[in-house]
Amino acid sequence: SARGKGVATRALRKLLDVTFGELGFNRVNIRIAPGNKPSLAIAKRLGLEPEGVCRQAWKVGDEYWDAVEFGVLASEWETGGS
């Protein structure tokens, strides 16, 4: 029921605010399955940069899945994302 209402976008934005602001991290990386279009859109919407594909990053059942790696630096996040 929450799909398409911006809940995940707001949650990730808040998580990044805390991670950079309160915890003082310099960098955050996330990995997303290439077929997970909603999550890919959130990462892009918030200004995370695609940094590459990690081949066979996860084993799911008997298969290995790739992952798209995104990153953002504290200096890029100072504006609170896009």
N, C-alpha and C. Protein backbone atom coordinates (compact mmCIF):
# COMPACT_ATOMS: atom_id res chain seq x y z
N SER A 1 0.82 -1.21 0.00
CA SER A 1 0.00 0.00 0.00
C SER A 1 0.86 1.27 0.00
N ALA A 2 2.12 1.13 0.39
CA ALA A 2 3.00 2.30 0.42
C ALA A 2 3.73 2.52 -0.90
N ARG A 3 3.66 1.54 -1.80
CA ARG A 3 4.39 1.62 -3.07
C ARG A 3 4.00 2.87 -3.85
N GLY A 4 5.04 3.57 -4.33
CA GLY A 4 4.80 4.75 -5.16
C GLY A 4 4.48 6.01 -4.39
N LYS A 5 4.59 5.97 -3.08
CA LYS A 5 4.25 7.15 -2.26
C LYS A 5 5.47 7.84 -1.66
N GLY A 6 6.67 7.42 -2.07
CA GLY A 6 7.89 8.09 -1.63
C GLY A 6 8.41 7.66 -0.27
N VAL A 7 7.84 6.62 0.30
CA VAL A 7 8.25 6.19 1.64
C VAL A 7 9.72 5.74 1.64
N ALA A 8 10.10 4.91 0.69
CA ALA A 8 11.48 4.41 0.65
C ALA A 8 12.46 5.53 0.34
N THR A 9 12.07 6.47 -0.51
CA THR A 9 12.94 7.61 -0.82
C THR A 9 13.19 8.44 0.43
N ARG A 10 12.13 8.73 1.17
CA ARG A 10 12.28 9.53 2.40
C ARG A 10 13.11 8.77 3.44
N ALA A 11 12.91 7.46 3.52
CA ALA A 11 13.66 6.66 4.49
C ALA A 11 15.15 6.65 4.16
N LEU A 12 15.49 6.47 2.89
CA LEU A 12 16.91 6.46 2.52
C LEU A 12 17.52 7.84 2.72
N ARG A 13 16.77 8.88 2.38
CA ARG A 13 17.28 10.25 2.59
C ARG A 13 17.59 10.48 4.07
N LYS A 14 16.69 10.07 4.95
CA LYS A 14 16.90 10.24 6.39
C LYS A 14 18.09 9.40 6.85
N LEU A 15 18.19 8.17 6.37
CA LEU A 15 19.31 7.31 6.73
C LEU A 15 20.64 7.95 6.32
N LEU A 16 20.69 8.52 5.13
CA LEU A 16 21.92 9.18 4.69
C LEU A 16 22.19 10.44 5.49
N ASP A 17 21.15 11.20 5.84
CA ASP A 17 21.33 12.37 6.69
C ASP A 17 21.99 11.98 8.02
N VAL A 18 21.49 10.93 8.63
CA VAL A 18 22.03 10.46 9.92
C VAL A 18 23.45 9.92 9.74
N THR A 19 23.65 9.13 8.69
CA THR A 19 24.95 8.50 8.46
C THR A 19 26.03 9.55 8.27
N PHE A 20 25.75 10.57 7.48
CA PHE A 20 26.75 11.61 7.25
C PHE A 20 26.77 12.64 8.37
N GLY A 21 25.61 13.10 8.78
CA GLY A 21 25.54 14.17 9.77
C GLY A 21 25.89 13.75 11.18
N GLU A 22 25.15 12.79 11.71
CA GLU A 22 25.34 12.40 13.10
C GLU A 22 26.48 11.41 13.30
N LEU A 23 26.66 10.50 12.37
CA LEU A 23 27.69 9.47 12.53
C LEU A 23 29.03 9.85 11.91
N GLY A 24 29.04 10.84 11.04
CA GLY A 24 30.28 11.36 10.49
C GLY A 24 30.96 10.49 9.43
N PHE A 25 30.19 9.63 8.78
CA PHE A 25 30.77 8.81 7.71
C PHE A 25 31.18 9.71 6.54
N ASN A 26 32.15 9.25 5.76
CA ASN A 26 32.58 9.98 4.58
C ASN A 26 31.98 9.42 3.30
N ARG A 27 31.60 8.14 3.33
CA ARG A 27 31.15 7.47 2.11
C ARG A 27 30.11 6.41 2.45
N VAL A 28 29.12 6.27 1.56
CA VAL A 28 28.13 5.20 1.67
C VAL A 28 28.04 4.52 0.32
N ASN A 29 28.04 3.20 0.34
CA ASN A 29 27.82 2.38 -0.85
C ASN A 29 26.56 1.57 -0.65
N ILE A 30 25.82 1.39 -1.72
CA ILE A 30 24.69 0.46 -1.69
C ILE A 30 24.76 -0.40 -2.94
N ARG A 31 24.23 -1.61 -2.83
CA ARG A 31 24.16 -2.52 -3.97
C ARG A 31 22.71 -2.86 -4.22
N ILE A 32 22.35 -2.83 -5.50
CA ILE A 32 20.97 -3.07 -5.89
C ILE A 32 20.96 -4.07 -7.05
N ALA A 33 20.05 -5.01 -6.99
CA ALA A 33 19.90 -5.95 -8.10
C ALA A 33 19.50 -5.17 -9.36
N PRO A 34 20.13 -5.47 -10.49
CA PRO A 34 19.85 -4.72 -11.72
C PRO A 34 18.38 -4.73 -12.14
N GLY A 35 17.64 -5.74 -11.78
CA GLY A 35 16.23 -5.81 -12.14
C GLY A 35 15.30 -5.08 -11.19
N ASN A 36 15.84 -4.53 -10.11
CA ASN A 36 15.02 -3.84 -9.13
C ASN A 36 14.86 -2.37 -9.53
N LYS A 37 14.03 -2.13 -10.53
CA LYS A 37 13.89 -0.79 -11.10
C LYS A 37 13.45 0.27 -10.09
N PRO A 38 12.52 -0.01 -9.18
CA PRO A 38 12.15 1.03 -8.21
C PRO A 38 13.32 1.46 -7.32
N SER A 39 14.12 0.51 -6.87
CA SER A 39 15.27 0.86 -6.02
C SER A 39 16.34 1.59 -6.81
N LEU A 40 16.56 1.20 -8.06
CA LEU A 40 17.52 1.92 -8.91
C LEU A 40 17.07 3.37 -9.09
N ALA A 41 15.78 3.57 -9.26
CA ALA A 41 15.25 4.93 -9.43
C ALA A 41 15.44 5.77 -8.18
N ILE A 42 15.28 5.16 -7.02
CA ILE A 42 15.48 5.89 -5.76
C ILE A 42 16.93 6.35 -5.64
N ALA A 43 17.86 5.43 -5.90
CA ALA A 43 19.28 5.79 -5.81
C ALA A 43 19.60 6.96 -6.75
N LYS A 44 19.11 6.89 -7.95
CA LYS A 44 19.37 7.97 -8.92
C LYS A 44 18.69 9.27 -8.49
N ARG A 45 17.46 9.16 -8.00
CA ARG A 45 16.70 10.34 -7.56
C ARG A 45 17.44 11.09 -6.45
N LEU A 46 18.09 10.34 -5.57
CA LEU A 46 18.79 10.96 -4.45
C LEU A 46 20.22 11.37 -4.80
N GLY A 47 20.62 11.14 -6.04
CA GLY A 47 21.92 11.63 -6.47
C GLY A 47 23.08 10.69 -6.22
N LEU A 48 22.81 9.44 -5.88
CA LEU A 48 23.90 8.48 -5.73
C LEU A 48 24.45 8.17 -7.11
N GLU A 49 25.75 7.99 -7.18
CA GLU A 49 26.42 7.76 -8.46
C GLU A 49 26.58 6.27 -8.71
N PRO A 50 26.20 5.79 -9.90
CA PRO A 50 26.48 4.40 -10.23
C PRO A 50 27.99 4.24 -10.41
N GLU A 51 28.55 3.24 -9.77
CA GLU A 51 30.01 3.06 -9.79
C GLU A 51 30.44 1.78 -10.47
N GLY A 52 29.49 0.94 -10.83
CA GLY A 52 29.86 -0.27 -11.54
C GLY A 52 28.94 -1.41 -11.19
N VAL A 53 29.23 -2.55 -11.76
CA VAL A 53 28.47 -3.76 -11.51
C VAL A 53 29.39 -4.77 -10.83
N CYS A 54 28.93 -5.30 -9.72
CA CYS A 54 29.64 -6.37 -9.02
C CYS A 54 29.07 -7.68 -9.55
N ARG A 55 29.86 -8.36 -10.33
CA ARG A 55 29.38 -9.59 -10.94
C ARG A 55 29.24 -10.68 -9.89
N GLN A 56 28.16 -11.40 -9.97
CA GLN A 56 27.87 -12.51 -9.08
C GLN A 56 28.08 -12.15 -7.61
N ALA A 57 27.47 -11.04 -7.22
CA ALA A 57 27.64 -10.50 -5.87
C ALA A 57 26.86 -11.28 -4.82
N TRP A 58 25.72 -11.86 -5.20
CA TRP A 58 24.88 -12.57 -4.24
C TRP A 58 24.54 -13.95 -4.77
N LYS A 59 24.42 -14.88 -3.87
CA LYS A 59 23.91 -16.19 -4.26
C LYS A 59 22.47 -16.28 -3.77
N VAL A 60 21.56 -16.52 -4.71
CA VAL A 60 20.14 -16.63 -4.41
C VAL A 60 19.71 -18.00 -4.90
N GLY A 61 19.43 -18.90 -3.97
CA GLY A 61 19.15 -20.27 -4.35
C GLY A 61 20.40 -20.88 -4.96
N ASP A 62 20.27 -21.37 -6.16
CA ASP A 62 21.41 -21.95 -6.86
C ASP A 62 22.04 -21.01 -7.88
N GLU A 63 21.55 -19.76 -7.91
CA GLU A 63 22.03 -18.78 -8.88
C GLU A 63 22.87 -17.70 -8.22
N TYR A 64 23.78 -17.13 -8.99
CA TYR A 64 24.49 -15.93 -8.56
C TYR A 64 23.90 -14.73 -9.29
N TRP A 65 23.65 -13.67 -8.54
CA TRP A 65 23.08 -12.45 -9.11
C TRP A 65 24.12 -11.34 -9.10
N ASP A 66 24.08 -10.52 -10.13
CA ASP A 66 24.91 -9.33 -10.17
C ASP A 66 24.29 -8.24 -9.28
N ALA A 67 25.07 -7.23 -8.98
CA ALA A 67 24.57 -6.08 -8.22
C ALA A 67 25.15 -4.80 -8.81
N VAL A 68 24.31 -3.78 -8.92
CA VAL A 68 24.78 -2.46 -9.33
C VAL A 68 25.22 -1.73 -8.08
N GLU A 69 26.44 -1.24 -8.09
CA GLU A 69 27.01 -0.53 -6.94
C GLU A 69 26.81 0.97 -7.14
N PHE A 70 26.26 1.62 -6.12
CA PHE A 70 26.11 3.07 -6.10
C PHE A 70 26.88 3.62 -4.92
N GLY A 71 27.37 4.85 -5.04
CA GLY A 71 28.07 5.47 -3.94
C GLY A 71 27.75 6.95 -3.85
N VAL A 72 27.94 7.48 -2.64
CA VAL A 72 27.78 8.91 -2.43
C VAL A 72 28.75 9.31 -1.32
N LEU A 73 29.38 10.46 -1.48
CA LEU A 73 30.32 10.99 -0.50
C LEU A 73 29.64 12.06 0.36
N ALA A 74 30.18 12.24 1.55
CA ALA A 74 29.61 13.24 2.45
C ALA A 74 29.59 14.62 1.80
N SER A 75 30.66 14.97 1.08
CA SER A 75 30.72 16.29 0.44
C SER A 75 29.67 16.45 -0.64
N GLU A 76 29.22 15.34 -1.23
CA GLU A 76 28.17 15.39 -2.23
C GLU A 76 26.79 15.46 -1.59
N TRP A 77 26.68 14.99 -0.36
CA TRP A 77 25.41 14.89 0.33
C TRP A 77 25.08 16.14 1.13
N GLU A 78 25.97 17.07 1.24
CA GLU A 78 25.77 18.25 2.09
C GLU A 78 24.46 18.97 1.80
N THR A 79 23.99 18.85 0.58
CA THR A 79 22.73 19.51 0.21
C THR A 79 21.53 18.67 0.58
N GLY A 80 21.76 17.46 1.13
CA GLY A 80 20.65 16.59 1.51
C GLY A 80 20.09 15.80 0.36
N GLY A 81 20.87 15.65 -0.68
CA GLY A 81 20.39 14.89 -1.84
C GLY A 81 19.51 15.75 -2.72
N SER A 82 19.12 15.19 -3.82
CA SER A 82 18.32 15.93 -4.80
C SER A 82 16.88 16.07 -4.35
